[in-house]
Amino acid sequence: MSKSTPIQIHVLSEIRNEKDLDKEQIEVRTKGEFILKGKTSYIRYEEEHELGSVKTTVKIAENEVVVMRTGAVVMKQRFIKGMVTATEYTTPYGRLQLATNTHSLSHVTENRQGKLVLHYDLQLDEKEKHVHTLMMTYKEEQS
């Protein structure tokens, strides 16, 4: 893919409550942009959230992924394998402090397409912990 390439994006997020194993899936299909700066990849897209429009940038480096959201929701969530990172999640209703424990992350690109997979726990407070799997696939948009 070139420096800036239009792409089709499919995001599938699976969330399980650690206690009762209830499962929720969130799926988004949208168009966006892939940018390569050196060895770092960026994926940008916009989505409609229940609170309004949200612009998302996913920064993918060798050992770290950062998801940045602005708009109706503001957050910067870091994923580093084997580490717990702190995130502040801001909505019009207030702020939440979250802890992200990343178990694994992988990013593979080949033939003008790619796949990012993250497995992590998200701790909302002392009582609530959710197990997340995020899979994002993307491919160059055909003109």
Foldseek 3Di string as FASTA:
>chain_A
DDQKFKKWKKKWKWKAWPPPRDIDIDIDIDIWMWGDDPQKIKTWDWDADPQGIKIWIWIDHDFKIWIAIDDQKGKIDIAGAQDKDWMWIQHPVGIFIKIKHWNDWDWDDDDQKIKIWTWIWIDRDPPTIMTMIMIMIMGGDDD
